[in-house]
Amino acid sequence: MRTYPPTPSAARACRDLLRDLLERWGLAEFYESAALVLTELVSNPIRSESPVEVAFCRCGAATVRVEVHDRAPGRPEAVAAEDDEESGRGLLLVGALAVEWGWRPASDGKVVYAVLSGESLHAEDAAALLRGGFLSCGSQMDEYG
């Protein structure tokens, strides 16, 4: 597990770590989609000003589990954001790109995770979501460098 301060640059540091691991594991072609998922998961601790703690695990030939420790209270829930809202679509994006996502309680918050599989993490999937306006208005990738 790696810990970063709750600043916008933490998301970039997490993505850099993810890129290095995916390259080492021979899964670099899935970086774009995996980075979108990771950015969405780390945005909540950054917004709540708690340290960003991430862990990655290769669970199979083309399967990676991303975990983010979140000290913010409350249960993560996907919500239907209005067209003019700039946030609120993060977990919908995670659900679209991950084969599984969920959370579990921790002593000081929760751990939110996503299981990413090569079968579901194609760059064209992420590009289609972007083209379709799914992330229009205030993408976390823009907000968190």
C-alpha atoms as a PDB file:
ATOM      1  CA  MET A   1       0.000   0.000   0.000  1.00  0.00           C
ATOM      2  CA  ARG A   2       1.229   3.498  -0.844  1.00  0.00           C
ATOM      3  CA  THR A   3       0.056   6.662   0.892  1.00  0.00           C
ATOM      4  CA  TYR A   4      -0.071  10.138  -0.637  1.00  0.00           C
ATOM      5  CA  PRO A   5      -1.131  13.500   0.808  1.00  0.00           C
ATOM      6  CA  PRO A   6      -4.675  14.612  -0.109  1.00  0.00           C
ATOM      7  CA  THR A   7      -3.687  16.963  -2.920  1.00  0.00           C
ATOM      8  CA  PRO A   8      -4.660  16.949  -6.604  1.00  0.00           C
ATOM      9  CA  SER A   9      -1.116  15.781  -7.433  1.00  0.00           C
ATOM     10  CA  ALA A  10      -1.836  12.553  -5.507  1.00  0.00           C
ATOM     11  CA  ALA A  11      -4.012  11.326  -8.358  1.00  0.00           C
ATOM     12  CA  ARG A  12      -1.149  11.771 -10.811  1.00  0.00           C
ATOM     13  CA  ALA A  13       1.245   9.952  -8.469  1.00  0.00           C
ATOM     14  CA  CYS A  14      -1.242   7.064  -8.149  1.00  0.00           C
ATOM     15  CA  ARG A  15      -1.620   6.886 -11.933  1.00  0.00           C
ATOM     16  CA  ASP A  16       2.178   6.913 -12.371  1.00  0.00           C
ATOM     17  CA  LEU A  17       2.448   3.968  -9.983  1.00  0.00           C
ATOM     18  CA  LEU A  18      -0.356   2.179 -11.848  1.00  0.00           C
ATOM     19  CA  ARG A  19       1.370   2.782 -15.200  1.00  0.00           C
ATOM     20  CA  ASP A  20       4.643   1.344 -13.866  1.00  0.00           C
ATOM     21  CA  LEU A  21       2.923  -1.743 -12.500  1.00  0.00           C
ATOM     22  CA  LEU A  22       0.864  -2.376 -15.645  1.00  0.00           C
ATOM     23  CA  GLU A  23       4.002  -2.071 -17.786  1.00  0.00           C
ATOM     24  CA  ARG A  24       5.860  -4.482 -15.515  1.00  0.00           C
ATOM     25  CA  TRP A  25       2.946  -6.920 -15.673  1.00  0.00           C
ATOM     26  CA  GLY A  26       2.661  -6.685 -19.470  1.00  0.00           C
ATOM     27  CA  LEU A  27      -0.747  -4.979 -19.295  1.00  0.00           C
ATOM     28  CA  ALA A  28       0.211  -1.473 -20.458  1.00  0.00           C
ATOM     29  CA  GLU A  29      -2.502  -1.440 -23.137  1.00  0.00           C
ATOM     30  CA  PHE A  30      -5.141  -1.222 -20.391  1.00  0.00           C
ATOM     31  CA  TYR A  31      -3.641   1.862 -18.744  1.00  0.00           C
ATOM     32  CA  GLU A  32      -6.076   4.465 -20.105  1.00  0.00           C
ATOM     33  CA  SER A  33      -9.204   2.746 -18.814  1.00  0.00           C
ATOM     34  CA  ALA A  34      -7.584   1.633 -15.566  1.00  0.00           C
ATOM     35  CA  ALA A  35      -6.367   5.192 -14.964  1.00  0.00           C
ATOM     36  CA  LEU A  36      -9.925   6.514 -15.326  1.00  0.00           C
ATOM     37  CA  VAL A  37     -11.158   4.037 -12.726  1.00  0.00           C
ATOM     38  CA  LEU A  38      -8.289   4.808 -10.363  1.00  0.00           C
ATOM     39  CA  THR A  39      -8.805   8.570 -10.680  1.00  0.00           C
ATOM     40  CA  GLU A  40     -12.468   8.206  -9.803  1.00  0.00           C
ATOM     41  CA  LEU A  41     -11.637   6.096  -6.744  1.00  0.00           C
ATOM     42  CA  VAL A  42      -8.959   8.458  -5.398  1.00  0.00           C
ATOM     43  CA  SER A  43     -11.031  11.602  -5.941  1.00  0.00           C
ATOM     44  CA  ASN A  44     -13.168  10.987  -2.840  1.00  0.00           C
ATOM     45  CA  PRO A  45     -10.290  10.877  -0.335  1.00  0.00           C
ATOM     46  CA  ILE A  46      -8.767  13.947  -1.998  1.00  0.00           C
ATOM     47  CA  ARG A  47     -12.062  15.857  -1.729  1.00  0.00           C
ATOM     48  CA  SER A  48     -12.494  14.805   1.910  1.00  0.00           C
ATOM     49  CA  GLU A  49      -8.890  15.836   2.608  1.00  0.00           C
ATOM     50  CA  SER A  50      -7.818  12.446   3.925  1.00  0.00           C
ATOM     51  CA  PRO A  51      -4.589  10.727   2.890  1.00  0.00           C
ATOM     52  CA  VAL A  52      -4.838   8.761  -0.335  1.00  0.00           C
ATOM     53  CA  GLU A  53      -3.925   5.132   0.271  1.00  0.00           C
ATOM     54  CA  VAL A  54      -3.824   2.807  -2.731  1.00  0.00           C
ATOM     55  CA  ALA A  55      -2.968  -0.827  -3.255  1.00  0.00           C
ATOM     56  CA  PHE A  56      -2.763  -2.861  -6.450  1.00  0.00           C
ATOM     57  CA  CYS A  57      -2.809  -6.614  -6.856  1.00  0.00           C
ATOM     58  CA  ARG A  58      -2.419  -8.687  -9.990  1.00  0.00           C
ATOM     59  CA  CYS A  59      -5.040 -11.385  -9.550  1.00  0.00           C
ATOM     60  CA  GLY A  60      -4.646 -13.269 -12.820  1.00  0.00           C
ATOM     61  CA  ALA A  61      -3.078 -13.105 -16.261  1.00  0.00           C
ATOM     62  CA  ALA A  62      -5.006  -9.943 -17.179  1.00  0.00           C
ATOM     63  CA  THR A  63      -6.810  -9.028 -13.953  1.00  0.00           C
ATOM     64  CA  VAL A  64      -5.860  -6.275 -11.527  1.00  0.00           C
ATOM     65  CA  ARG A  65      -7.521  -5.266  -8.268  1.00  0.00           C
ATOM     66  CA  VAL A  66      -7.315  -1.589  -7.286  1.00  0.00           C
ATOM     67  CA  GLU A  67      -8.059  -0.650  -3.675  1.00  0.00           C
ATOM     68  CA  VAL A  68      -8.359   2.837  -2.229  1.00  0.00           C
ATOM     69  CA  HIS A  69      -8.641   3.428   1.499  1.00  0.00           C
ATOM     70  CA  ASP A  70     -11.135   6.218   2.063  1.00  0.00           C
ATOM     71  CA  ARG A  71     -11.498   7.800   5.512  1.00  0.00           C
ATOM     72  CA  ALA A  72     -14.625   9.725   4.569  1.00  0.00           C
ATOM     73  CA  PRO A  73     -17.783   8.526   6.287  1.00  0.00           C
ATOM     74  CA  GLY A  74     -20.629   6.995   4.362  1.00  0.00           C
ATOM     75  CA  ARG A  75     -21.273   4.258   1.913  1.00  0.00           C
ATOM     76  CA  PRO A  76     -20.234   4.712  -1.721  1.00  0.00           C
ATOM     77  CA  GLU A  77     -23.271   4.698  -3.982  1.00  0.00           C
ATOM     78  CA  ALA A  78     -23.675   5.305  -7.689  1.00  0.00           C
ATOM     79  CA  VAL A  79     -26.109   8.145  -8.298  1.00  0.00           C
ATOM     80  CA  ALA A  80     -27.798   9.465 -11.394  1.00  0.00           C
ATOM     81  CA  ALA A  81     -26.408  12.963 -11.912  1.00  0.00           C
ATOM     82  CA  GLU A  82     -28.345  15.529 -13.888  1.00  0.00           C
ATOM     83  CA  ASP A  83     -26.970  16.503 -17.308  1.00  0.00           C
ATOM     84  CA  ASP A  84     -25.774  19.889 -16.053  1.00  0.00           C
ATOM     85  CA  GLU A  85     -24.037  18.568 -12.923  1.00  0.00           C
ATOM     86  CA  GLU A  86     -20.248  18.477 -12.983  1.00  0.00           C
ATOM     87  CA  SER A  87     -19.834  15.482 -10.672  1.00  0.00           C
ATOM     88  CA  GLY A  88     -21.701  12.416  -9.508  1.00  0.00           C
ATOM     89  CA  ARG A  89     -20.893  10.013 -12.343  1.00  0.00           C
ATOM     90  CA  GLY A  90     -17.734   8.487 -10.920  1.00  0.00           C
ATOM     91  CA  LEU A  91     -19.084   5.174  -9.704  1.00  0.00           C
ATOM     92  CA  LEU A  92     -21.134   4.788 -12.881  1.00  0.00           C
ATOM     93  CA  LEU A  93     -17.871   5.051 -14.806  1.00  0.00           C
ATOM     94  CA  VAL A  94     -16.195   2.578 -12.451  1.00  0.00           C
ATOM     95  CA  GLY A  95     -19.099   0.174 -12.913  1.00  0.00           C
ATOM     96  CA  ALA A  96     -18.884   0.503 -16.697  1.00  0.00           C
ATOM     97  CA  LEU A  97     -15.165  -0.306 -16.843  1.00  0.00           C
ATOM     98  CA  ALA A  98     -14.667  -2.744 -13.964  1.00  0.00           C
ATOM     99  CA  VAL A  99     -15.868  -6.330 -13.900  1.00  0.00           C
ATOM    100  CA  GLU A 100     -16.643  -5.810 -10.219  1.00  0.00           C
ATOM    101  CA  TRP A 101     -16.490  -3.000  -7.696  1.00  0.00           C
ATOM    102  CA  GLY A 102     -17.509  -2.658  -4.092  1.00  0.00           C
ATOM    103  CA  TRP A 103     -16.400  -1.639  -0.650  1.00  0.00           C
ATOM    104  CA  ARG A 104     -15.744  -2.984   2.795  1.00  0.00           C
ATOM    105  CA  PRO A 105     -15.613  -1.231   6.159  1.00  0.00           C
ATOM    106  CA  ALA A 106     -12.248  -0.358   7.691  1.00  0.00           C
ATOM    107  CA  SER A 107     -11.515   0.695  11.256  1.00  0.00           C
ATOM    108  CA  ASP A 108     -11.178   4.325  10.160  1.00  0.00           C
ATOM    109  CA  GLY A 109     -13.402   4.505   7.090  1.00  0.00           C
ATOM    110  CA  LYS A 110     -13.725   2.118   4.182  1.00  0.00           C
ATOM    111  CA  VAL A 111     -11.850   0.481   1.343  1.00  0.00           C
ATOM    112  CA  VAL A 112     -13.352   0.938  -2.117  1.00  0.00           C
ATOM    113  CA  TYR A 113     -12.129  -1.507  -4.747  1.00  0.00           C
ATOM    114  CA  ALA A 114     -12.474  -2.282  -8.416  1.00  0.00           C
ATOM    115  CA  VAL A 115     -11.505  -5.460 -10.218  1.00  0.00           C
ATOM    116  CA  LEU A 116     -10.217  -4.680 -13.682  1.00  0.00           C
ATOM    117  CA  SER A 117      -9.915  -7.381 -16.299  1.00  0.00           C
ATOM    118  CA  GLY A 118      -8.258  -7.242 -19.682  1.00  0.00           C
ATOM    119  CA  GLU A 119     -11.520  -8.496 -21.131  1.00  0.00           C
ATOM    120  CA  SER A 120     -13.321  -5.342 -19.976  1.00  0.00           C
ATOM    121  CA  LEU A 121     -10.545  -2.736 -19.986  1.00  0.00           C
ATOM    122  CA  HIS A 122     -10.132  -1.733 -23.565  1.00  0.00           C
ATOM    123  CA  ALA A 123      -9.071   1.813 -24.327  1.00  0.00           C
ATOM    124  CA  GLU A 124     -11.855   2.133 -26.877  1.00  0.00           C
ATOM    125  CA  ASP A 125     -14.386   1.557 -24.070  1.00  0.00           C
ATOM    126  CA  ALA A 126     -13.046   4.558 -22.183  1.00  0.00           C
ATOM    127  CA  ALA A 127     -12.872   6.619 -25.369  1.00  0.00           C
ATOM    128  CA  ALA A 128     -16.508   5.762 -26.184  1.00  0.00           C
ATOM    129  CA  LEU A 129     -17.601   6.916 -22.729  1.00  0.00           C
ATOM    130  CA  LEU A 130     -15.755  10.181 -23.237  1.00  0.00           C
ATOM    131  CA  ARG A 131     -17.135  10.691 -26.765  1.00  0.00           C
ATOM    132  CA  GLY A 132     -20.650   9.887 -25.622  1.00  0.00           C
ATOM    133  CA  GLY A 133     -20.576  12.710 -23.107  1.00  0.00           C
ATOM    134  CA  PHE A 134     -20.570  10.337 -20.137  1.00  0.00           C
ATOM    135  CA  LEU A 135     -17.797  12.413 -18.592  1.00  0.00           C
ATOM    136  CA  SER A 136     -18.830  15.762 -19.959  1.00  0.00           C
ATOM    137  CA  CYS A 137     -18.637  18.838 -17.805  1.00  0.00           C
ATOM    138  CA  GLY A 138     -15.907  18.170 -15.206  1.00  0.00           C
ATOM    139  CA  SER A 139     -13.902  15.062 -15.714  1.00  0.00           C
ATOM    140  CA  GLN A 140     -11.908  13.960 -12.687  1.00  0.00           C
ATOM    141  CA  MET A 141      -8.947  13.452 -15.027  1.00  0.00           C
ATOM    142  CA  ASP A 142      -8.973  17.206 -15.695  1.00  0.00           C
ATOM    143  CA  GLU A 143      -9.578  18.152 -12.075  1.00  0.00           C
ATOM    144  CA  TYR A 144      -6.890  15.876 -10.675  1.00  0.00           C
ATOM    145  CA  GLY A 145      -4.118  16.452 -13.200  1.00  0.00           C
END
